Amino acid sequence: MPAFELESADRLFSGFIFNLERRFVRYGDDVFDREILTHPGAVAIVALDGSQQVVLLRQYRASVDDVIYEIPAGTCDADGEDRHATAVRELREETGFEAATWECLGTFYNSPGYSSQATTLYLATGLTPGDRAPAGIEEVASDVVLLPLDDAVNLFGDGKVLDMTSALAMALLSSRAH
């Protein structure tokens, strides 16, 4: 069986968060192309306080032109910063919370059919409140919401948590609780 080999890539667009490439891949005698969004990766944080409340953001997202509930998350865009440090920074910036305990729950590809984005999901516990340092208009206008774990898990079923990263996090929390 032949192997897939990347022959070349042409940059079609360079943006603030992602780039768009056309990649040419060889498989045996065949060469095919795919348009790929290249992304530096991201982190997402399930922050759970001592009362078993989940920290969520209620934030406007221009891509869907709606305000949705999400767990804190951010792009790995600081040079030289590892994923754990990015998670610590993003939790503090977006929510004001700091966590005493961190656990990596795993890394997943968000949409590997067209994007290279890989997100590492963390569980943060032992929370201490502090001051937020939101960046950008959407974060400044966002609300930090604490919901009991069962209510947060049920948000997805109620159609209120619309991003899959948060839905995955709620499913993982739910499976751990039972």
Foldseek 3Di string as FASTA:
>chain_A
DFDKDWDDKDWPADDDFWTWIWTWIDGPPDIDIAIATEGQAKEFEFEAEPQQWTKWKQWADPVVRHTAIGTFMDGPPDPPDDHVNRHQVRCCQQFQKGAPDKDWPAKDAQDVVHYPYIYIYMYGYRIDGGDHNYDDDGSVPMDIDIGHLVVQQCCVVVVRHPGVVSNVVSVVVVVVVD
